[in-house]
Structures are given as C-alpha cells and as structure tokens.
Amino acid sequence: MTARLSLQRDDPHDIQDRVVRLWVDGEPWGTIGYGRTLTRDIAPGPHVVKAHNTLFGTTFSFEAAPGEEVRLRCVNGMTGGARLMVLMLGVAYLRVRIERLPSARVGEVA
C-alpha cells in the first residue's frame, strides 16, 4: 500500500509572489505558485522535502504510514523586520517554510 504527499501553498501570510522549487528525497518535484497544490504518491516510510525560493531554502522531514495522506503547507513570507527593510531599502528577505497539517487517509476528502 502506498502513501500520498500533498503540499499546498495557500497561507494568507504568503507574499503570493515568486515560485518555490520543491524536491522530494533529493529528486526534483516541480515548482509551486500561490494558490496551488501538488500531490504525488510516495512509499511509506521516512521522507525529506526541500523547498527553495531562489534566495533561501528549508528542509522538512516526515514519516508516512501506509495509506496515509501527508498534508504539508509551504509559506513564502517575510522575515522578522522585513516591513522595515521594505520601507528603508525597497526590498526584503523572503523566508520559505514548510509546516505539517493534519493527515488523512488516502482518498479522504479534506
């Protein structure tokens, strides 16, 4: 039995700009823009997702059980003090992060 990985990018604190590149277990998965969700089947067991916004990146490790749909959220947002940087310099550092959402059984409606 397989598991499933769903990664969404819909957090209201996301700056909604700049795509985020994704890798699963070291293999390219694709890019995700704001308002999109990517889904793929994965083998049960430990996995690592890497997300990078071309400036900064993060990694997130998780374990998937057989038949589980692991749900993650990717957020591309400003770092602490970013609003002040925008006012003073016109630019800010964007931090990408991944957080885990409640899981479901494969095929279960969210």
Protein backbone atom coordinates (compact mmCIF):
# COMPACT_ATOMS: atom_id res chain seq x y z
CA MET A 1 0.00 0.00 0.00
CA THR A 2 1.33 3.45 -0.89
CA ALA A 3 1.03 6.78 0.87
CA ARG A 4 0.38 10.20 -0.63
CA LEU A 5 2.04 13.59 -0.20
CA SER A 6 0.04 16.79 -0.77
CA LEU A 7 1.73 20.16 -0.48
CA GLN A 8 -0.36 23.31 -0.67
CA ARG A 9 0.57 26.98 -0.84
CA ASP A 10 -2.40 28.99 0.36
CA ASP A 11 -1.42 30.67 3.64
CA PRO A 12 -2.79 34.25 3.87
CA HIS A 13 0.63 35.40 5.18
CA ASP A 14 2.34 34.20 2.00
CA ILE A 15 3.56 37.12 -0.12
CA GLN A 16 1.97 35.39 -3.14
CA ASP A 17 4.97 36.16 -5.34
CA ARG A 18 7.93 34.13 -6.55
CA VAL A 19 7.55 30.42 -7.20
CA VAL A 20 9.02 27.90 -4.78
CA ARG A 21 11.03 24.98 -6.15
CA LEU A 22 10.47 21.59 -4.49
CA TRP A 23 12.44 18.35 -4.14
CA VAL A 24 11.30 15.09 -2.51
CA ASP A 25 14.05 12.80 -1.26
CA GLY A 26 16.60 14.66 -3.38
CA GLU A 27 14.64 14.37 -6.65
CA PRO A 28 13.07 17.43 -8.33
CA TRP A 29 9.30 17.57 -7.82
CA GLY A 30 8.46 20.88 -9.53
CA THR A 31 7.53 24.43 -8.66
CA ILE A 32 4.53 25.69 -6.76
CA GLY A 33 2.92 29.11 -7.04
CA TYR A 34 0.49 30.69 -4.62
CA GLY A 35 -2.95 29.03 -4.56
CA ARG A 36 -1.69 25.73 -5.98
CA THR A 37 -1.48 22.22 -4.52
CA LEU A 38 0.87 19.47 -5.68
CA THR A 39 0.12 15.81 -4.93
CA ARG A 40 2.07 12.61 -5.56
CA ASP A 41 2.16 9.04 -4.34
CA ILE A 42 5.10 8.10 -2.13
CA ALA A 43 6.32 4.94 -0.46
CA PRO A 44 5.55 4.56 3.24
CA GLY A 45 8.49 5.49 5.46
CA PRO A 46 10.75 8.47 6.08
CA HIS A 47 10.97 11.31 3.54
CA VAL A 48 12.53 14.75 3.17
CA VAL A 49 11.00 17.70 1.30
CA LYS A 50 13.22 20.62 0.34
CA ALA A 51 11.75 23.97 -0.68
CA HIS A 52 13.73 26.88 -2.12
CA ASN A 53 12.56 30.33 -3.26
CA THR A 54 15.85 31.09 -5.12
CA LEU A 55 17.07 33.12 -2.13
CA PHE A 56 16.51 30.86 0.87
CA GLY A 57 15.56 27.24 1.40
CA THR A 58 14.33 24.87 4.05
CA THR A 59 14.01 21.13 4.54
CA PHE A 60 11.24 19.22 6.27
CA SER A 61 11.45 15.59 7.35
CA PHE A 62 8.43 13.39 7.97
CA GLU A 63 7.31 9.78 8.16
CA ALA A 64 4.42 8.48 6.06
CA ALA A 65 2.34 5.49 7.14
CA PRO A 66 0.80 3.09 4.59
CA GLY A 67 -2.46 4.60 3.29
CA GLU A 68 -1.76 8.00 4.88
CA GLU A 69 -2.08 11.28 3.02
CA VAL A 70 0.58 13.56 4.47
CA ARG A 71 -0.52 17.18 4.07
CA LEU A 72 2.03 19.97 4.14
CA ARG A 73 1.77 23.73 3.67
CA CYS A 74 4.51 25.82 2.08
CA VAL A 75 4.67 29.50 3.05
CA ASN A 76 6.88 32.06 1.28
CA GLY A 77 6.81 35.04 3.62
CA MET A 78 8.80 37.89 5.07
CA THR A 79 11.32 37.50 7.86
CA GLY A 80 11.24 39.48 11.10
CA GLY A 81 11.85 43.17 10.47
CA ALA A 82 11.04 42.78 6.77
CA ARG A 83 8.46 45.54 6.69
CA LEU A 84 11.08 47.98 7.97
CA MET A 85 13.52 46.75 5.30
CA VAL A 86 10.90 47.36 2.62
CA LEU A 87 10.34 50.90 3.88
CA MET A 88 14.05 51.70 4.08
CA LEU A 89 15.52 49.72 1.17
CA GLY A 90 12.58 48.77 -1.00
CA VAL A 91 13.41 45.05 -0.68
CA ALA A 92 13.10 42.35 1.97
CA TYR A 93 14.32 38.82 2.56
CA LEU A 94 11.68 36.18 1.93
CA ARG A 95 11.77 33.09 4.10
CA VAL A 96 10.27 29.84 2.89
CA ARG A 97 8.94 27.38 5.46
CA ILE A 98 7.02 24.12 5.49
CA GLU A 99 4.51 23.11 8.14
CA ARG A 100 2.58 19.87 8.60
CA LEU A 101 -1.21 19.89 8.52
CA PRO A 102 -3.47 17.15 9.90
CA SER A 103 -3.12 13.95 7.88
CA ALA A 104 -5.90 11.93 6.29
CA ARG A 105 -6.39 8.50 4.78
CA VAL A 106 -5.65 8.32 1.04
CA GLY A 107 -8.83 9.23 -0.82
CA GLU A 108 -10.42 11.01 2.15
CA VAL A 109 -11.87 14.46 1.39
CA ALA A 110 -10.21 17.33 3.29
